[in-house]
Amino acid sequence: MKKFLLFFYLFLSCLILLISLSSLVYLYEKRTKIKNFVFSNIQDDYQEYGDDIYWAKELMNGGYILHFRHAERDKWIDVTMYDALESDLHDNEVDGSRYAENDYFANAVCLNERGKVQAKAMGESLKHIGFPIGVVHSSVSCRARQTAELAFGGYDKLHRILVHKGPYNEYEKERVSSIIELYENIRIEEGKNSIVSSHNSVVTCNMFVNNTCPPGIELEEGGFYVLKKTDKGLVFEHEFHNFNDFNKVFYQR
C-alpha cells in the first residue's frame, strides 16, 4: 500500500510538473506572438508617420504643387446642380464665378461655419510655422475660394476646370488632359509651394507618370496631395489625408 501511494504521489507530481511546463511554454509563445504583433504594428505606424515627417519638413523647402481639398461644407445631396449655377450661369469670363456667397444658394456651395473655422485654423498653423506659399490657384466654387482666402491669404487665379467632375457631362480623357496642362503650367516660385484650392475627384491617378498614387484616391476636407513637375510629367509624391496629418509633425511633446 505504501509503495502504491508513493508511486501515485510521484505520478501526480510529474503530471503537475508537465502541466506547469506546458502552461509556461504556451504563455511564452503567446507573449512572443503579441510582442511581435505589437512591434510589427509599431513599425507600420512609424513607417507611415515617418513618411509624413519627411514630407512635412521637405515642403518647408518649397518646390511643389499642393492640391488641397476645400474645408468643410454642408452636405447637400444635389450640390452639383448649385455648383453648375455658380460656375456656368453668369456673365463673367469662362474662368469667372457667380460668387454664390452673395446668392440665394450660398448654403449649398460655400463653407459652413465649421469650415470657416477650419480654414482659419489651417491658415494660422501655416503662418505659425512660416510655411512657404507662392502662387495660389482656385476652383471658381465658393468653398474653394473661401478656403484659399482664409487659409492661404487669397488666390491669384480662378479656373473652371478645377471644379469637381459632378456638374459636367464630359469626356474623362479630355478632362484629365486639361488638368495636366493646367498643372504643368503652374508657376513655382523659388523656395515656395504653389497651392491649388479645389475638390475631390479633380486629381486622378491617370494624371501621373509614376505609380505611387494610392488606389481609391480621396481626401478629407483640408487634406492635400503633394505633386511635382518633372521633365517626364507630373509625379505623385505624397498624400496628407487630412490637415492634421501634416500639422502634428510640427507639435512635439
Protein backbone atom coordinates (compact mmCIF):
# COMPACT_ATOMS: atom_id res chain seq x y z
CA MET A 1 0.00 0.00 0.00
CA LYS A 2 2.81 2.43 0.87
CA LYS A 3 4.53 1.64 -2.44
CA PHE A 4 1.29 2.33 -4.27
CA LEU A 5 0.81 5.69 -2.53
CA LEU A 6 4.42 6.63 -3.20
CA PHE A 7 4.01 5.74 -6.87
CA PHE A 8 0.72 7.66 -7.04
CA TYR A 9 2.22 10.81 -5.47
CA LEU A 10 5.22 10.57 -7.79
CA PHE A 11 2.93 10.22 -10.82
CA LEU A 12 0.80 13.14 -9.63
CA SER A 13 3.88 15.32 -9.11
CA CYS A 14 5.16 14.53 -12.61
CA LEU A 15 1.74 15.31 -14.08
CA ILE A 16 1.56 18.68 -12.29
CA LEU A 17 5.10 19.49 -13.44
CA LEU A 18 4.23 18.59 -17.01
CA ILE A 19 1.09 20.75 -16.95
CA SER A 20 3.07 23.64 -15.47
CA LEU A 21 5.75 23.36 -18.14
CA SER A 22 3.11 23.23 -20.87
CA SER A 23 1.45 26.34 -19.46
CA LEU A 24 4.75 28.19 -19.35
CA VAL A 25 5.51 27.24 -22.95
CA TYR A 26 2.03 28.37 -24.01
CA LEU A 27 2.34 31.69 -22.20
CA TYR A 28 5.79 32.29 -23.67
CA GLU A 29 4.60 31.59 -27.20
CA LYS A 30 1.53 33.79 -26.71
CA ARG A 31 3.62 36.63 -25.30
CA THR A 32 6.06 36.33 -28.20
CA LYS A 33 3.22 36.47 -30.72
CA ILE A 34 1.71 39.51 -29.01
CA LYS A 35 5.08 41.22 -28.82
CA ASN A 36 5.79 40.53 -32.49
CA PHE A 37 2.31 41.72 -33.46
CA VAL A 38 2.63 44.96 -31.50
CA PHE A 39 6.17 45.57 -32.76
CA SER A 40 5.06 44.95 -36.32
CA ASN A 41 2.20 47.44 -35.92
CA ILE A 42 4.58 49.99 -34.38
CA GLN A 43 6.89 49.56 -37.37
CA ASP A 44 3.99 50.01 -39.79
CA ASP A 45 2.75 53.10 -37.94
CA TYR A 46 6.25 54.55 -37.78
CA GLN A 47 6.80 53.93 -41.47
CA GLU A 48 3.58 55.75 -42.36
CA TYR A 49 4.14 58.55 -39.86
CA GLY A 50 7.81 58.70 -40.81
CA ASP A 51 6.79 59.49 -44.38
CA ASP A 52 4.58 62.30 -43.09
CA ILE A 53 7.51 63.69 -41.09
CA TYR A 54 9.79 63.60 -44.11
CA TRP A 55 7.32 65.26 -46.45
CA ALA A 56 6.15 67.90 -43.96
CA LYS A 57 9.76 69.00 -43.48
CA GLU A 58 10.58 68.67 -47.18
CA LEU A 59 7.73 71.04 -48.07
CA MET A 60 9.34 73.74 -45.95
CA ASN A 61 11.94 73.97 -48.74
CA GLY A 62 9.29 74.67 -51.38
CA GLY A 63 9.25 73.44 -54.96
CA TYR A 64 5.95 71.51 -55.06
CA ILE A 65 2.33 71.84 -56.12
CA LEU A 66 -0.08 71.15 -53.27
CA HIS A 67 -3.61 70.18 -54.25
CA PHE A 68 -5.90 70.95 -51.28
CA ARG A 69 -9.45 69.83 -50.85
CA HIS A 70 -11.55 72.73 -49.57
CA ALA A 71 -12.60 72.92 -45.92
CA GLU A 72 -15.96 71.63 -44.68
CA ARG A 73 -19.30 72.45 -46.31
CA ASP A 74 -22.84 71.32 -45.54
CA LYS A 75 -23.60 68.08 -47.38
CA TRP A 76 -26.38 68.89 -49.84
CA ILE A 77 -27.13 65.76 -51.89
CA ASP A 78 -27.85 67.85 -55.02
CA VAL A 79 -24.83 70.13 -54.61
CA THR A 80 -23.72 69.51 -58.20
CA MET A 81 -26.72 71.45 -59.53
CA TYR A 82 -25.79 74.50 -57.48
CA ASP A 83 -22.11 74.16 -58.42
CA ALA A 84 -23.18 74.35 -62.07
CA LEU A 85 -25.16 77.53 -61.32
CA GLU A 86 -22.11 79.15 -59.78
CA SER A 87 -19.54 78.04 -62.34
CA ASP A 88 -21.56 78.44 -65.56
CA LEU A 89 -24.68 80.59 -65.20
CA HIS A 90 -23.17 84.07 -65.04
CA ASP A 91 -21.97 86.86 -67.32
CA ASN A 92 -18.36 86.79 -66.17
CA GLU A 93 -15.49 85.27 -68.14
CA VAL A 94 -15.20 81.49 -68.63
CA ASP A 95 -12.95 81.18 -65.57
CA GLY A 96 -15.11 83.57 -63.59
CA SER A 97 -17.60 82.90 -60.84
CA ARG A 98 -21.14 83.83 -59.93
CA TYR A 99 -19.87 84.38 -56.37
CA ALA A 100 -22.53 82.30 -54.71
CA GLU A 101 -21.74 83.71 -51.27
CA ASN A 102 -23.88 86.65 -52.39
CA ASP A 103 -26.63 84.50 -53.89
CA TYR A 104 -29.66 82.56 -52.69
CA PHE A 105 -27.91 79.14 -52.82
CA ALA A 106 -24.87 80.13 -50.75
CA ASN A 107 -25.53 77.47 -48.10
CA ALA A 108 -25.31 74.75 -50.76
CA VAL A 109 -21.88 75.57 -52.16
CA CYS A 110 -19.98 77.68 -49.62
CA LEU A 111 -18.16 76.73 -46.43
CA ASN A 112 -20.32 76.18 -43.38
CA GLU A 113 -19.38 77.77 -40.05
CA ARG A 114 -17.17 74.85 -39.07
CA GLY A 115 -15.47 75.01 -42.45
CA LYS A 116 -14.65 78.68 -41.97
CA VAL A 117 -13.16 77.92 -38.56
CA GLN A 118 -11.23 75.00 -40.07
CA ALA A 119 -9.79 77.11 -42.89
CA LYS A 120 -8.83 79.93 -40.50
CA ALA A 121 -7.09 77.43 -38.21
CA MET A 122 -5.20 75.99 -41.18
CA GLY A 123 -4.06 79.50 -42.09
CA GLU A 124 -2.95 80.25 -38.54
CA SER A 125 -0.99 76.99 -38.36
CA LEU A 126 0.72 77.62 -41.69
CA LYS A 127 1.64 81.14 -40.64
CA HIS A 128 2.99 79.87 -37.31
CA ILE A 129 5.48 77.52 -38.95
CA GLY A 130 6.39 80.01 -41.68
CA PHE A 131 5.12 77.75 -44.44
CA PRO A 132 6.36 78.97 -47.85
CA ILE A 133 3.31 79.73 -50.02
CA GLY A 134 3.73 81.02 -53.55
CA VAL A 135 1.01 81.42 -56.18
CA VAL A 136 -2.47 80.20 -55.30
CA HIS A 137 -4.90 78.82 -57.88
CA SER A 138 -8.51 78.06 -57.01
CA SER A 139 -11.65 76.47 -58.34
CA VAL A 140 -14.34 79.04 -59.12
CA SER A 141 -16.50 77.36 -56.46
CA CYS A 142 -17.34 79.39 -53.35
CA ARG A 143 -15.97 76.82 -50.87
CA ALA A 144 -12.65 76.56 -52.69
CA ARG A 145 -12.28 80.33 -52.96
CA GLN A 146 -13.16 80.82 -49.30
CA THR A 147 -10.62 78.18 -48.29
CA ALA A 148 -7.96 79.97 -50.35
CA GLU A 149 -8.83 83.30 -48.75
CA LEU A 150 -8.94 82.05 -45.17
CA ALA A 151 -6.11 79.50 -45.24
CA PHE A 152 -3.68 80.85 -47.87
CA GLY A 153 -4.28 84.59 -47.83
CA GLY A 154 -6.22 84.78 -51.09
CA TYR A 155 -5.84 83.47 -54.63
CA ASP A 156 -4.13 84.63 -57.81
CA LYS A 157 -6.26 82.94 -60.44
CA LEU A 158 -9.55 81.03 -60.80
CA HIS A 159 -10.13 78.01 -63.03
CA ARG A 160 -13.41 76.42 -64.07
CA ILE A 161 -11.56 73.16 -64.86
CA LEU A 162 -10.73 72.86 -61.13
CA VAL A 163 -14.40 72.33 -60.25
CA HIS A 164 -15.04 68.67 -59.42
CA LYS A 165 -16.47 66.28 -62.06
CA GLY A 166 -20.02 66.19 -60.71
CA PRO A 167 -21.66 69.12 -62.53
CA TYR A 168 -20.39 68.27 -66.02
CA ASN A 169 -21.12 65.99 -68.95
CA GLU A 170 -17.62 65.50 -70.33
CA TYR A 171 -15.09 63.00 -71.63
CA GLU A 172 -12.71 61.86 -68.89
CA LYS A 173 -9.70 61.80 -71.22
CA GLU A 174 -10.23 65.43 -72.23
CA ARG A 175 -10.80 66.50 -68.63
CA VAL A 176 -7.61 64.83 -67.45
CA SER A 177 -5.65 66.33 -70.34
CA SER A 178 -6.87 69.82 -69.37
CA ILE A 179 -5.96 69.30 -65.71
CA ILE A 180 -2.48 68.08 -66.62
CA GLU A 181 -1.94 71.07 -68.89
CA LEU A 182 -3.01 73.44 -66.12
CA TYR A 183 -0.75 71.84 -63.51
CA GLU A 184 2.24 71.70 -65.83
CA ASN A 185 1.89 75.45 -66.43
CA ILE A 186 1.55 76.45 -62.77
CA ARG A 187 4.47 78.66 -61.87
CA ILE A 188 6.51 77.59 -58.86
CA GLU A 189 8.44 80.37 -57.18
CA GLU A 190 11.87 79.50 -55.84
CA GLY A 191 11.68 78.24 -52.27
CA LYS A 192 7.86 78.24 -52.24
CA ASN A 193 5.00 75.83 -52.86
CA SER A 194 2.22 76.58 -55.32
CA ILE A 195 -1.26 75.96 -53.92
CA VAL A 196 -4.35 74.63 -55.64
CA SER A 197 -7.58 75.05 -53.66
CA SER A 198 -10.03 72.64 -55.18
CA HIS A 199 -12.10 69.48 -54.66
CA ASN A 200 -12.06 65.69 -54.55
CA SER A 201 -12.33 63.90 -57.93
CA VAL A 202 -10.22 66.56 -59.67
CA VAL A 203 -6.98 64.63 -59.13
CA THR A 204 -6.96 61.07 -60.53
CA CYS A 205 -4.15 58.56 -60.76
CA ASN A 206 -4.02 58.64 -64.57
CA MET A 207 -2.56 62.15 -64.36
CA PHE A 208 0.84 60.91 -63.22
CA VAL A 209 3.89 59.34 -64.83
CA ASN A 210 4.74 57.33 -61.68
CA ASN A 211 2.70 54.62 -59.94
CA THR A 212 2.65 55.77 -56.31
CA CYS A 213 -0.85 57.26 -56.49
CA PRO A 214 -2.94 55.32 -53.91
CA PRO A 215 -5.99 53.31 -55.07
CA GLY A 216 -9.32 54.85 -54.15
CA ILE A 217 -7.68 58.27 -54.03
CA GLU A 218 -9.72 60.66 -51.87
CA LEU A 219 -9.08 63.41 -49.32
CA GLU A 220 -10.86 64.58 -46.22
CA GLU A 221 -11.71 68.28 -46.11
CA GLY A 222 -8.46 70.19 -45.66
CA GLY A 223 -6.27 67.29 -46.79
CA PHE A 224 -3.85 67.66 -49.68
CA TYR A 225 -1.68 65.89 -52.24
CA VAL A 226 1.98 66.68 -52.84
CA LEU A 227 2.71 66.83 -56.58
CA LYS A 228 5.87 67.61 -58.51
CA LYS A 229 6.56 68.81 -62.01
CA THR A 230 9.31 66.91 -63.87
CA ASP A 231 10.61 66.76 -67.43
CA LYS A 232 8.72 63.49 -67.89
CA GLY A 233 5.43 64.80 -66.50
CA LEU A 234 3.56 65.15 -63.22
CA VAL A 235 4.68 62.99 -60.29
CA PHE A 236 2.53 62.00 -57.31
CA GLU A 237 4.73 62.28 -54.21
CA HIS A 238 2.62 62.02 -51.06
CA GLU A 239 -0.84 62.29 -49.52
CA PHE A 240 -1.76 64.08 -46.30
CA HIS A 241 -5.23 62.62 -45.98
CA ASN A 242 -6.30 65.39 -43.61
CA PHE A 243 -4.60 68.57 -42.50
CA ASN A 244 -3.77 67.25 -39.03
CA ASP A 245 -1.56 64.53 -40.57
CA PHE A 246 0.64 67.41 -41.74
CA ASN A 247 0.12 69.78 -38.84
CA LYS A 248 1.00 67.39 -36.00
CA VAL A 249 4.53 66.92 -37.33
CA PHE A 250 5.34 70.39 -36.00
CA TYR A 251 3.99 69.78 -32.50
CA GLN A 252 6.06 67.57 -30.21
CA ARG A 253 5.90 66.76 -26.50
